[in-house]
Amino acid sequence: MLPLAAAIALVLSVSLVLGTAILTLSGIEHRGPLAAPVGFAALLVLAGLCIHLPGRAATCAVIVAVVVLASLVYIAHAAGRSPFPLWTVAVAAAAVLVALIPFAAAGHVGLLGVGTNDDMSEHLLAAWALQGHAPINSGSLIGSGYPIGPHAIAAAISKPASRSSAHSLA
């Protein structure tokens, strides 16, 4: 369960950094509760675009890391005070714990509800293709215009961490 908590914390942290940079750049002073959702939206767009570059998931992970580092440098340079209030860290930690509840209740980390709805197979195929293991048009999701931002984030997380697509999508 620790790798899942780390993946959730990673997505939350990246979202907070990207959102803080975007809102600071926009001139918004009170950015506390807006930073993470704005950053997550930016992460979805960024991952959804860069996953189509050569190298797919590995390239996407590098691009996201570079953008996050650039955002941190910008935030440190632009902020006169601490850009991340302590309460945002506490809320993020609480969100990680709440996100772990279904997996603790199921007693394992993985896909939940697979026996009820096999829709997950298409999502796994899309993430697998985005990692570079299959042609990009292998499944019906990507070719149909389905939004693949979450799949791209899962692919970008699972590739460098040597994790399965199933665990990253969970």
Protein backbone atom coordinates (compact mmCIF):
# COMPACT_ATOMS: atom_id res chain seq x y z
CA MET A 1 0.00 0.00 0.00
CA LEU A 2 3.01 2.28 0.46
CA PRO A 3 3.77 2.55 -3.31
CA LEU A 4 0.13 3.53 -3.92
CA ALA A 5 0.32 6.20 -1.21
CA ALA A 6 3.56 7.46 -2.77
CA ALA A 7 1.94 7.67 -6.23
CA ILE A 8 -1.04 9.58 -4.82
CA ALA A 9 1.28 11.93 -2.92
CA LEU A 10 3.34 12.44 -6.09
CA VAL A 11 0.31 13.44 -8.17
CA LEU A 12 -0.95 15.74 -5.39
CA SER A 13 2.47 17.35 -4.95
CA VAL A 14 2.98 17.89 -8.67
CA SER A 15 -0.54 19.32 -8.92
CA LEU A 16 0.11 21.70 -6.04
CA VAL A 17 3.40 22.93 -7.53
CA LEU A 18 2.00 23.40 -11.04
CA GLY A 19 -1.14 25.11 -9.75
CA THR A 20 0.81 27.44 -7.47
CA ALA A 21 3.08 28.43 -10.37
CA ILE A 22 0.14 29.03 -12.71
CA LEU A 23 -1.80 31.08 -10.17
CA THR A 24 1.29 33.06 -9.15
CA LEU A 25 2.01 33.77 -12.81
CA SER A 26 -1.62 34.88 -13.18
CA GLY A 27 -1.23 37.34 -10.30
CA ILE A 28 -3.71 35.62 -8.01
CA GLU A 29 -2.75 36.34 -4.39
CA HIS A 30 -4.95 33.93 -2.43
CA ARG A 31 -4.27 30.71 -4.27
CA GLY A 32 -4.48 28.13 -1.44
CA PRO A 33 -7.56 26.06 -2.27
CA LEU A 34 -7.27 26.66 -6.02
CA ALA A 35 -3.69 25.53 -6.52
CA ALA A 36 -4.11 21.74 -6.52
CA PRO A 37 -7.17 21.57 -8.83
CA VAL A 38 -5.66 24.07 -11.28
CA GLY A 39 -2.39 22.15 -11.21
CA PHE A 40 -4.13 18.81 -11.72
CA ALA A 41 -5.94 20.22 -14.76
CA ALA A 42 -2.59 21.44 -16.11
CA LEU A 43 -1.03 18.03 -15.41
CA LEU A 44 -3.83 16.27 -17.31
CA VAL A 45 -3.35 18.55 -20.31
CA LEU A 46 0.46 18.33 -20.21
CA ALA A 47 0.52 14.53 -19.86
CA GLY A 48 -2.20 14.13 -22.49
CA LEU A 49 -0.11 16.09 -24.99
CA CYS A 50 3.41 14.86 -24.27
CA ILE A 51 2.43 11.18 -24.18
CA HIS A 52 2.26 11.29 -27.98
CA LEU A 53 5.93 12.28 -28.35
CA PRO A 54 8.56 9.66 -29.22
CA GLY A 55 9.43 7.67 -26.12
CA ARG A 56 5.86 8.08 -24.86
CA ALA A 57 5.78 7.48 -21.08
CA ALA A 58 9.51 8.00 -20.46
CA THR A 59 9.52 11.24 -22.44
CA CYS A 60 6.35 12.37 -20.70
CA ALA A 61 7.84 11.70 -17.26
CA VAL A 62 10.94 13.74 -18.14
CA ILE A 63 8.90 16.64 -19.54
CA VAL A 64 6.64 16.71 -16.47
CA ALA A 65 9.71 16.64 -14.20
CA VAL A 66 11.32 19.54 -16.11
CA VAL A 67 8.10 21.59 -15.96
CA VAL A 68 7.77 20.89 -12.21
CA LEU A 69 11.39 21.92 -11.58
CA ALA A 70 10.90 25.09 -13.63
CA SER A 71 7.72 25.78 -11.64
CA LEU A 72 9.56 25.33 -8.34
CA VAL A 73 12.30 27.73 -9.46
CA TYR A 74 9.69 30.28 -10.55
CA ILE A 75 7.73 29.93 -7.30
CA ALA A 76 10.88 30.31 -5.18
CA HIS A 77 11.89 33.40 -7.14
CA ALA A 78 8.43 35.02 -7.24
CA ALA A 79 7.17 34.27 -3.74
CA GLY A 80 8.14 36.59 -0.93
CA ARG A 81 6.72 34.21 1.66
CA SER A 82 6.15 30.49 1.87
CA PRO A 83 4.16 29.54 -1.24
CA PHE A 84 2.70 26.43 0.39
CA PRO A 85 0.76 27.13 3.60
CA LEU A 86 0.99 24.37 6.19
CA TRP A 87 -2.75 23.70 6.01
CA THR A 88 -2.44 22.70 2.33
CA VAL A 89 0.08 20.03 3.27
CA ALA A 90 -2.27 18.75 5.99
CA VAL A 91 -5.19 18.63 3.55
CA ALA A 92 -3.04 16.77 1.00
CA ALA A 93 -2.01 14.22 3.64
CA ALA A 94 -5.66 13.73 4.58
CA ALA A 95 -6.53 13.26 0.90
CA VAL A 96 -3.89 10.53 0.58
CA LEU A 97 -5.35 8.72 3.60
CA VAL A 98 -8.92 9.01 2.29
CA ALA A 99 -7.82 7.72 -1.13
CA LEU A 100 -6.38 4.60 0.54
CA ILE A 101 -9.67 3.65 2.27
CA PRO A 102 -11.14 1.54 -0.59
CA PHE A 103 -7.91 -0.43 -0.91
CA ALA A 104 -7.66 -1.00 2.83
CA ALA A 105 -11.27 -2.20 2.83
CA ALA A 106 -10.60 -4.56 -0.10
CA GLY A 107 -7.45 -5.86 1.56
CA HIS A 108 -5.27 -5.37 -1.52
CA VAL A 109 -4.00 -2.75 -3.94
CA GLY A 110 -5.20 -3.16 -7.49
CA LEU A 111 -8.22 -2.77 -9.66
CA LEU A 112 -11.45 -2.58 -7.72
CA GLY A 113 -14.72 -3.95 -9.07
CA VAL A 114 -13.20 -5.90 -11.97
CA GLY A 115 -15.65 -8.78 -11.55
CA THR A 116 -18.59 -6.41 -11.86
CA ASN A 117 -17.56 -4.27 -14.83
CA ASP A 118 -14.84 -5.26 -17.29
CA ASP A 119 -14.57 -1.73 -18.70
CA MET A 120 -11.13 -1.52 -17.11
CA SER A 121 -9.61 -3.72 -19.82
CA GLU A 122 -9.91 -0.90 -22.37
CA HIS A 123 -8.35 1.56 -19.94
CA LEU A 124 -5.47 -0.82 -19.19
CA LEU A 125 -4.90 -1.37 -22.91
CA ALA A 126 -4.79 2.39 -23.47
CA ALA A 127 -2.25 2.91 -20.66
CA TRP A 128 -0.21 -0.04 -21.92
CA ALA A 129 -0.17 1.38 -25.46
CA LEU A 130 0.81 4.81 -24.15
CA GLN A 131 3.79 3.23 -22.40
CA GLY A 132 5.00 2.12 -25.81
CA HIS A 133 4.21 -1.60 -25.56
CA ALA A 134 1.68 -1.57 -28.42
CA PRO A 135 0.67 0.62 -31.35
CA ILE A 136 -1.00 3.82 -30.20
CA ASN A 137 -4.29 2.81 -31.86
CA SER A 138 -4.48 -0.63 -30.19
CA GLY A 139 -7.70 -0.02 -28.32
CA SER A 140 -10.89 1.82 -29.01
CA LEU A 141 -10.36 4.56 -26.39
CA ILE A 142 -7.49 6.44 -27.99
CA GLY A 143 -8.82 6.30 -31.54
CA SER A 144 -12.29 7.41 -30.47
CA GLY A 145 -11.10 10.66 -28.94
CA TYR A 146 -11.58 9.53 -25.34
CA PRO A 147 -9.69 11.88 -22.98
CA ILE A 148 -6.46 10.06 -22.15
CA GLY A 149 -4.90 12.51 -19.69
CA PRO A 150 -5.36 10.17 -16.68
CA HIS A 151 -4.00 7.26 -18.71
CA ALA A 152 -0.99 9.36 -19.71
CA ILE A 153 -0.31 10.26 -16.06
CA ALA A 154 -0.53 6.58 -15.09
CA ALA A 155 1.82 5.63 -17.93
CA ALA A 156 4.30 8.35 -16.98
CA ILE A 157 4.26 7.28 -13.31
CA SER A 158 4.52 3.56 -13.97
CA LYS A 159 7.35 3.65 -16.54
CA PRO A 160 10.15 5.15 -14.40
CA ALA A 161 8.93 3.44 -11.22
CA SER A 162 8.74 0.02 -12.95
CA ARG A 163 5.13 -0.35 -11.79
CA SER A 164 2.33 -2.05 -13.64
CA SER A 165 -0.29 -0.01 -15.47
CA ALA A 166 -2.95 -1.61 -13.28
CA HIS A 167 -1.37 -0.32 -10.08
CA SER A 168 -0.77 3.13 -11.55
CA LEU A 169 -4.35 3.44 -12.79
CA ALA A 170 -5.67 2.27 -9.42
